[in-house]
Amino acid sequence: MDHSAAGVTWEALARAIDEIYNRNASQLSFEELYRNAYNLVLHKHGVLLYDGVSDKISSHLLETVERLTTVPDPSVLEDMAHTWNEHQITMIMVRDILMYMDRTYVPAQRRRAVYELGLHLFRITVWEHPRVQPRVTDLLLSAISAERAGLLTDDRSLLKANLGMLLELGQADYSNVYERDFESLFLSTTQEFYRQESLGYLAENSATDYVSKATARLDEEKDRSSALALPSTTEMQLVNILETELIERHARVLVDMEQSGFAALLKDDTKLVEMKEMFDLFVRVPNSVDSLRDALADRIKGDGKTLIADQEKGTADASTFVRGVLSMRDRYQNVVNVSFRGEKRAQKRMKESFEDFLNADARAASCLAVYVDELLRT
């Protein structure tokens, strides 16, 4: 096959690619097209074929991006998702025609495979256009922000499709398109949003209300991550931000708040469920649970000192003192079993706290001796 014949064969292939782009491929003979591409490569015209395909794809993508830049903002995500889907279908069909070139010419010349070539050209021609990428990114972030505000937003499938596009463009082209153009902005705006919301909500609501709100937000973000098929690496960073801003940053305040903090709830035997909900939230950040255990220990020691003080004043005899201690133990054992879900470290802190106030005053041991003596006598 001479150069002239190769040019004629390529022109036939070029027209076929145009028909594929125009969705008129039903009349094409893919077997004949495959054979034409095979002959071009076989007769050492791989450069003509590969460069011709590259130019043809680029030409169509230039037309695509010119149209995309005129699409109004409300339709951009939908149009982008449709454009991406059409491009994928087209490249799969073109790849099938050029399968022999992919197997021989491409590895020998260290060129991109046809499908990957299409992704590369889509990235540099369409996605990175200054009137496409910034708008799509802003609309994605705005849609997520609107969801957080409880407003109706675009169909999540559109968000998922656009994010899936960024992931595939980056993976196929060994670039950081997704991380650079979405993930970093998504994570930073998420951190700022929850930092401001948590501060504002905590200033105007009780600790128990805050726990309910924070738990709901964590569930919402988990659901959104799943619905949008965010990568595990993004989800891990997102969870870390949420736990830092919603839990770790406010742990001490949630324990110490008057009337509704964990320390205050410990005074009320009817608040076991509320304390358990706070424990369930805090346990997501293990170090934060220390503040709950500290509050438990402080409350036990405080109640114990009150019992000892009453005994010193003579308002409680030895038996009353010991029964008070036993009643305290039953009460706080119930707190540990229910609110701390029987956690071993909370059990240990409770035991140590009782030992602390009982060993601090010799009269506690004296009262216990008197109480045991009475029991034995009766």
Protein backbone atom coordinates (compact mmCIF):
# COMPACT_ATOMS: atom_id res chain seq x y z
CA MET A 1 0.00 0.00 0.00
CA ASP A 2 1.59 3.25 -1.18
CA HIS A 3 1.15 6.64 0.42
CA SER A 4 -1.67 7.64 -1.91
CA ALA A 5 -3.70 4.51 -1.19
CA ALA A 6 -3.04 4.93 2.49
CA GLY A 7 -4.46 8.46 2.28
CA VAL A 8 -7.63 7.19 0.63
CA THR A 9 -8.03 4.49 3.29
CA TRP A 10 -7.53 7.00 6.05
CA GLU A 11 -10.14 9.35 4.57
CA ALA A 12 -12.67 6.52 4.69
CA LEU A 13 -11.81 5.91 8.33
CA ALA A 14 -12.01 9.65 9.08
CA ARG A 15 -15.52 9.84 7.60
CA ALA A 16 -16.51 6.85 9.70
CA ILE A 17 -15.26 8.54 12.88
CA ASP A 18 -17.31 11.61 11.94
CA GLU A 19 -20.38 9.39 11.58
CA ILE A 20 -19.71 7.83 14.98
CA TYR A 21 -19.51 11.30 16.54
CA ASN A 22 -22.75 12.25 14.77
CA ARG A 23 -24.42 9.06 16.05
CA ASN A 24 -24.92 7.71 12.53
CA ALA A 25 -22.91 4.56 13.07
CA SER A 26 -25.71 2.07 12.40
CA GLN A 27 -24.89 1.92 8.69
CA LEU A 28 -21.15 1.44 9.20
CA SER A 29 -19.41 -1.87 8.65
CA PHE A 30 -17.12 -2.17 11.65
CA GLU A 31 -15.54 -5.27 10.18
CA GLU A 32 -14.50 -3.32 7.08
CA LEU A 33 -13.29 -0.39 9.16
CA TYR A 34 -11.23 -2.69 11.36
CA ARG A 35 -9.70 -4.24 8.23
CA ASN A 36 -8.80 -0.83 6.82
CA ALA A 37 -7.09 0.20 10.06
CA TYR A 38 -5.33 -3.18 10.18
CA ASN A 39 -3.96 -2.71 6.65
CA LEU A 40 -2.68 0.78 7.41
CA VAL A 41 -0.70 -0.45 10.40
CA LEU A 42 0.45 -3.58 8.60
CA HIS A 43 1.86 -1.52 5.71
CA LYS A 44 3.77 0.85 8.00
CA HIS A 45 1.30 3.72 7.94
CA GLY A 46 0.72 3.69 11.70
CA VAL A 47 1.87 7.30 12.09
CA LEU A 48 -0.69 8.47 9.54
CA LEU A 49 -3.44 6.54 11.31
CA TYR A 50 -2.52 7.49 14.87
CA ASP A 51 -1.93 11.19 14.18
CA GLY A 52 -5.04 11.33 12.00
CA VAL A 53 -7.18 9.87 14.77
CA SER A 54 -5.67 12.27 17.30
CA ASP A 55 -6.41 15.26 15.07
CA LYS A 56 -9.93 14.06 14.34
CA ILE A 57 -10.76 13.61 18.03
CA SER A 58 -9.26 17.01 18.86
CA SER A 59 -11.33 18.65 16.13
CA HIS A 60 -14.59 17.25 17.49
CA LEU A 61 -13.66 18.12 21.07
CA LEU A 62 -12.99 21.70 20.05
CA GLU A 63 -16.53 21.89 18.69
CA THR A 64 -17.79 20.33 21.91
CA VAL A 65 -16.05 22.78 24.20
CA GLU A 66 -17.16 25.74 22.10
CA ARG A 67 -20.76 24.66 22.68
CA LEU A 68 -20.20 23.95 26.39
CA THR A 69 -18.90 27.45 27.06
CA THR A 70 -22.27 28.91 26.00
CA VAL A 71 -24.40 26.63 28.19
CA PRO A 72 -26.11 28.58 31.05
CA ASP A 73 -25.05 27.66 34.59
CA PRO A 74 -28.29 25.82 35.56
CA SER A 75 -27.67 23.31 32.76
CA VAL A 76 -23.89 22.94 32.95
CA LEU A 77 -23.72 19.84 35.17
CA GLU A 78 -26.35 18.01 33.13
CA ASP A 79 -24.74 18.99 29.83
CA MET A 80 -21.28 18.06 31.08
CA ALA A 81 -22.47 14.65 32.24
CA HIS A 82 -24.14 14.03 28.87
CA THR A 83 -21.05 15.20 26.97
CA TRP A 84 -18.81 12.92 29.01
CA ASN A 85 -21.08 9.92 28.47
CA GLU A 86 -21.18 10.55 24.72
CA HIS A 87 -17.40 10.86 24.61
CA GLN A 88 -16.96 7.54 26.40
CA ILE A 89 -19.30 5.75 23.99
CA THR A 90 -17.53 7.29 21.00
CA MET A 91 -14.07 6.34 22.22
CA ILE A 92 -15.11 2.75 22.90
CA MET A 93 -16.37 2.44 19.31
CA VAL A 94 -13.24 4.07 17.87
CA ARG A 95 -11.05 1.86 20.07
CA ASP A 96 -12.77 -1.26 18.71
CA ILE A 97 -11.98 -0.21 15.15
CA LEU A 98 -8.34 0.49 16.00
CA MET A 99 -7.77 -2.58 18.17
CA TYR A 100 -4.91 -3.87 16.02
CA MET A 101 -3.10 -0.52 16.23
CA ASP A 102 -3.50 -0.62 20.04
CA ARG A 103 -1.90 -4.07 20.15
CA THR A 104 1.05 -3.40 17.88
CA TYR A 105 1.87 0.17 16.90
CA VAL A 106 1.02 1.81 20.25
CA PRO A 107 3.34 -0.28 22.50
CA ALA A 108 6.10 -0.33 19.89
CA GLN A 109 6.08 3.47 19.60
CA ARG A 110 5.26 4.06 23.28
CA ARG A 111 2.16 6.06 22.47
CA ARG A 112 -1.08 6.33 24.42
CA ALA A 113 -3.68 3.65 23.73
CA VAL A 114 -6.64 4.98 21.76
CA TYR A 115 -9.09 5.18 24.67
CA GLU A 116 -6.48 6.81 26.92
CA LEU A 117 -5.64 9.22 24.09
CA GLY A 118 -9.30 10.22 24.02
CA LEU A 119 -9.26 10.86 27.77
CA HIS A 120 -6.08 12.91 27.53
CA LEU A 121 -7.48 15.07 24.74
CA PHE A 122 -10.77 15.49 26.58
CA ARG A 123 -8.90 16.69 29.66
CA ILE A 124 -6.70 19.26 27.96
CA THR A 125 -9.32 20.43 25.44
CA VAL A 126 -12.62 20.32 27.28
CA TRP A 127 -12.10 20.01 31.03
CA GLU A 128 -9.22 22.45 31.39
CA HIS A 129 -10.92 25.14 29.31
CA PRO A 130 -11.15 28.31 31.44
CA ARG A 131 -14.91 28.51 30.86
CA VAL A 132 -15.56 24.88 31.80
CA GLN A 133 -13.51 23.64 34.77
CA PRO A 134 -14.06 26.61 37.11
CA ARG A 135 -17.80 26.64 36.46
CA VAL A 136 -18.27 22.89 36.91
CA THR A 137 -16.21 22.88 40.11
CA ASP A 138 -18.13 25.83 41.55
CA LEU A 139 -21.46 24.24 40.68
CA LEU A 140 -20.46 20.93 42.28
CA LEU A 141 -19.44 22.68 45.49
CA SER A 142 -22.56 24.87 45.43
CA ALA A 143 -24.82 21.84 45.02
CA ILE A 144 -23.22 20.13 48.02
CA SER A 145 -23.45 23.34 50.05
CA ALA A 146 -27.14 23.67 49.16
CA GLU A 147 -27.74 20.08 50.27
CA ARG A 148 -26.16 20.86 53.63
CA ALA A 149 -28.46 23.84 53.95
CA GLY A 150 -31.47 21.59 53.33
CA LEU A 151 -32.28 23.07 49.93
CA LEU A 152 -33.34 21.18 46.83
CA THR A 153 -30.39 20.55 44.53
CA ASP A 154 -29.52 18.90 41.25
CA ASP A 155 -30.03 15.18 40.90
CA ARG A 156 -27.19 13.47 42.76
CA SER A 157 -26.61 11.29 39.70
CA LEU A 158 -25.35 14.41 37.89
CA LEU A 159 -22.88 15.13 40.69
CA LYS A 160 -21.77 11.50 40.69
CA ALA A 161 -21.31 11.50 36.90
CA ASN A 162 -19.19 14.65 36.93
CA LEU A 163 -17.03 13.42 39.81
CA GLY A 164 -16.65 10.04 38.11
CA MET A 165 -15.41 11.88 35.03
CA LEU A 166 -12.71 13.65 37.03
CA LEU A 167 -11.59 10.40 38.62
CA GLU A 168 -11.30 8.62 35.28
CA LEU A 169 -9.51 11.53 33.62
CA GLY A 170 -6.92 11.52 36.39
CA GLN A 171 -6.42 7.77 36.57
CA ALA A 172 -6.07 7.30 32.83
CA ASP A 173 -3.75 10.27 32.39
CA TYR A 174 -1.69 9.85 35.58
CA SER A 175 -2.71 13.35 36.63
CA ASN A 176 -4.28 14.71 39.80
CA VAL A 177 -7.32 16.25 38.11
CA TYR A 178 -9.78 15.12 40.79
CA GLU A 179 -7.54 16.07 43.72
CA ARG A 180 -6.50 19.39 42.21
CA ASP A 181 -9.81 20.60 40.80
CA PHE A 182 -12.29 19.21 43.32
CA GLU A 183 -11.06 17.33 46.38
CA SER A 184 -8.82 20.02 47.87
CA LEU A 185 -11.54 22.68 47.52
CA PHE A 186 -14.24 20.31 48.74
CA LEU A 187 -12.33 19.43 51.90
CA SER A 188 -11.35 23.02 52.72
CA THR A 189 -14.89 24.35 52.25
CA THR A 190 -16.24 21.45 54.30
CA GLN A 191 -13.88 22.25 57.17
CA GLU A 192 -14.83 25.92 57.17
CA PHE A 193 -18.56 25.11 56.97
CA TYR A 194 -18.55 22.77 59.97
CA ARG A 195 -16.24 24.99 61.98
CA GLN A 196 -18.68 27.88 61.68
CA GLU A 197 -21.84 25.81 62.03
CA SER A 198 -20.63 23.95 65.13
CA LEU A 199 -19.64 27.17 66.89
CA GLY A 200 -22.93 28.85 66.06
CA TYR A 201 -25.10 25.89 66.99
CA LEU A 202 -23.31 25.24 70.26
CA ALA A 203 -23.68 28.89 71.28
CA GLU A 204 -27.47 28.75 70.95
CA ASN A 205 -28.40 25.18 71.91
CA SER A 206 -27.94 22.65 74.67
CA ALA A 207 -25.20 20.03 74.66
CA THR A 208 -27.73 17.26 74.06
CA ASP A 209 -29.21 19.12 71.07
CA TYR A 210 -25.70 19.61 69.72
CA VAL A 211 -24.97 15.88 70.03
CA SER A 212 -28.11 15.07 68.03
CA LYS A 213 -27.18 17.63 65.38
CA ALA A 214 -23.58 16.43 65.09
CA THR A 215 -24.66 12.79 64.85
CA ALA A 216 -27.13 13.66 62.10
CA ARG A 217 -24.46 15.60 60.20
CA LEU A 218 -22.05 12.66 60.36
CA ASP A 219 -24.75 10.36 58.98
CA GLU A 220 -25.62 12.86 56.24
CA GLU A 221 -22.03 13.13 55.06
CA LYS A 222 -21.63 9.36 55.07
CA ASP A 223 -24.77 9.01 52.97
CA ARG A 224 -23.60 11.71 50.55
CA SER A 225 -20.16 10.13 50.19
CA SER A 226 -21.79 6.84 49.30
CA ALA A 227 -24.29 8.39 46.89
CA LEU A 228 -21.55 10.33 45.06
CA ALA A 229 -19.17 7.34 45.11
CA LEU A 230 -16.36 9.44 46.59
CA PRO A 231 -13.02 7.61 46.76
CA SER A 232 -12.09 6.04 50.08
CA THR A 233 -9.16 8.46 50.38
CA THR A 234 -11.54 11.42 50.19
CA GLU A 235 -13.97 9.83 52.61
CA MET A 236 -11.22 9.21 55.16
CA GLN A 237 -10.12 12.84 55.04
CA LEU A 238 -13.74 13.99 55.21
CA VAL A 239 -14.41 11.87 58.31
CA ASN A 240 -11.26 13.23 59.95
CA ILE A 241 -12.42 16.81 59.33
CA LEU A 242 -15.89 16.11 60.70
CA GLU A 243 -14.59 14.40 63.82
CA THR A 244 -12.16 17.23 64.46
CA GLU A 245 -14.63 20.07 63.94
CA LEU A 246 -17.75 18.48 65.43
CA ILE A 247 -16.31 16.43 68.29
CA GLU A 248 -12.69 16.97 69.26
CA ARG A 249 -12.78 20.76 69.09
CA HIS A 250 -15.83 20.98 71.40
CA ALA A 251 -15.41 17.93 73.64
CA ARG A 252 -14.50 19.87 76.77
CA VAL A 253 -17.35 22.34 76.32
CA LEU A 254 -19.88 19.53 75.81
CA VAL A 255 -18.79 18.02 79.12
CA ASP A 256 -18.78 21.24 81.14
CA MET A 257 -21.88 23.07 79.83
CA GLU A 258 -24.18 24.08 82.65
CA GLN A 259 -27.44 22.11 82.90
CA SER A 260 -26.92 20.06 79.71
CA GLY A 261 -23.24 19.05 79.67
CA PHE A 262 -22.16 15.52 80.49
CA ALA A 263 -21.09 16.51 83.99
CA ALA A 264 -24.53 17.97 84.63
CA LEU A 265 -26.31 14.94 83.17
CA LEU A 266 -24.48 12.69 85.64
CA LYS A 267 -26.54 14.26 88.42
CA ASP A 268 -29.80 13.01 86.92
CA ASP A 269 -30.65 9.28 86.96
CA THR A 270 -33.11 9.78 84.07
CA LYS A 271 -30.47 11.01 81.58
CA LEU A 272 -28.79 7.69 80.82
CA VAL A 273 -29.87 7.73 77.15
CA GLU A 274 -28.65 11.30 76.61
CA MET A 275 -25.28 10.38 78.14
CA LYS A 276 -25.08 7.25 75.98
CA GLU A 277 -25.68 9.34 72.85
CA MET A 278 -22.85 11.66 73.87
CA PHE A 279 -20.59 8.67 74.51
CA ASP A 280 -21.47 7.20 71.11
CA LEU A 281 -20.50 10.49 69.48
CA PHE A 282 -17.27 10.90 71.45
CA VAL A 283 -16.13 7.32 70.89
CA ARG A 284 -15.53 8.23 67.23
CA VAL A 285 -12.56 10.21 68.56
CA PRO A 286 -11.14 7.89 71.26
CA ASN A 287 -9.08 10.57 73.01
CA SER A 288 -12.22 12.64 73.56
CA VAL A 289 -13.78 9.91 75.69
CA ASP A 290 -11.17 10.71 78.36
CA SER A 291 -13.13 13.87 79.17
CA LEU A 292 -16.27 11.77 79.81
CA ARG A 293 -14.36 9.37 82.06
CA ASP A 294 -12.85 12.35 83.89
CA ALA A 295 -16.30 13.79 84.49
CA LEU A 296 -17.50 10.44 85.83
CA ALA A 297 -14.51 10.18 88.17
CA ASP A 298 -14.96 13.76 89.42
CA ARG A 299 -18.65 13.19 90.10
CA ILE A 300 -17.98 9.97 92.06
CA LYS A 301 -15.25 11.61 94.13
CA GLY A 302 -17.45 14.64 94.78
CA ASP A 303 -20.40 12.54 95.92
CA GLY A 304 -18.05 10.44 98.04
CA LYS A 305 -16.62 13.49 99.79
CA THR A 306 -20.15 14.66 100.51
CA LEU A 307 -20.93 11.35 102.21
CA ILE A 308 -17.76 11.60 104.28
CA ALA A 309 -18.56 15.19 105.22
CA ASP A 310 -22.05 14.18 106.37
CA GLN A 311 -20.52 11.43 108.50
CA GLU A 312 -18.06 13.88 110.04
CA LYS A 313 -20.86 16.28 110.91
CA GLY A 314 -22.72 13.48 112.62
CA THR A 315 -25.69 13.72 110.28
CA ALA A 316 -25.07 10.12 109.15
CA ASP A 317 -24.06 7.15 111.23
CA ALA A 318 -21.71 4.39 110.04
CA SER A 319 -24.48 2.24 108.58
CA THR A 320 -26.02 5.15 106.73
CA PHE A 321 -22.62 6.06 105.30
CA VAL A 322 -21.94 2.54 104.01
CA ARG A 323 -25.44 2.19 102.56
CA GLY A 324 -24.87 5.51 100.82
CA VAL A 325 -21.65 4.20 99.31
CA LEU A 326 -23.35 1.01 98.13
CA SER A 327 -26.20 3.01 96.66
CA MET A 328 -23.67 5.22 94.87
CA ARG A 329 -21.92 2.17 93.48
CA ASP A 330 -25.19 0.76 92.12
CA ARG A 331 -26.04 4.10 90.55
CA TYR A 332 -22.73 4.65 88.83
CA GLN A 333 -22.43 1.02 87.82
CA ASN A 334 -25.68 1.54 85.96
CA VAL A 335 -24.25 4.68 84.33
CA VAL A 336 -21.19 2.73 83.17
CA ASN A 337 -23.24 -0.23 81.94
CA VAL A 338 -25.77 1.85 80.03
CA SER A 339 -24.22 5.21 79.11
CA PHE A 340 -20.67 3.93 78.64
CA ARG A 341 -21.92 0.65 77.16
CA GLY A 342 -19.98 -1.29 79.79
CA GLU A 343 -16.63 0.05 78.56
CA LYS A 344 -13.74 -1.49 80.52
CA ARG A 345 -11.80 1.75 80.87
CA ALA A 346 -14.86 3.46 82.37
CA GLN A 347 -15.27 0.49 84.73
CA LYS A 348 -11.65 0.92 85.82
CA ARG A 349 -12.03 4.69 86.37
CA MET A 350 -15.15 4.12 88.46
CA LYS A 351 -13.37 1.56 90.64
CA GLU A 352 -10.35 3.83 91.09
CA SER A 353 -12.57 6.79 91.98
CA PHE A 354 -14.34 4.88 94.74
CA GLU A 355 -10.99 3.68 96.06
CA ASP A 356 -9.68 7.23 95.98
CA PHE A 357 -12.26 8.80 98.29
CA LEU A 358 -12.63 5.72 100.50
CA ASN A 359 -8.87 5.47 101.09
CA ALA A 360 -8.47 9.19 101.64
CA ASP A 361 -10.08 9.11 105.08
CA ALA A 362 -9.55 6.41 107.71
CA ARG A 363 -13.07 6.98 109.00
CA ALA A 364 -14.45 5.30 105.86
CA ALA A 365 -12.74 2.07 106.88
CA SER A 366 -14.00 2.51 110.44
CA CYS A 367 -17.58 2.95 109.19
CA LEU A 368 -17.24 -0.16 107.06
CA ALA A 369 -16.02 -2.16 110.06
CA VAL A 370 -18.98 -1.00 112.14
CA TYR A 371 -21.41 -1.82 109.31
CA VAL A 372 -20.00 -5.32 108.84
CA ASP A 373 -20.14 -5.92 112.57
CA GLU A 374 -23.81 -4.96 112.62
CA LEU A 375 -24.54 -7.26 109.71
CA LEU A 376 -22.85 -10.17 111.45
CA ARG A 377 -24.74 -9.49 114.67
CA THR A 378 -28.11 -9.51 112.90
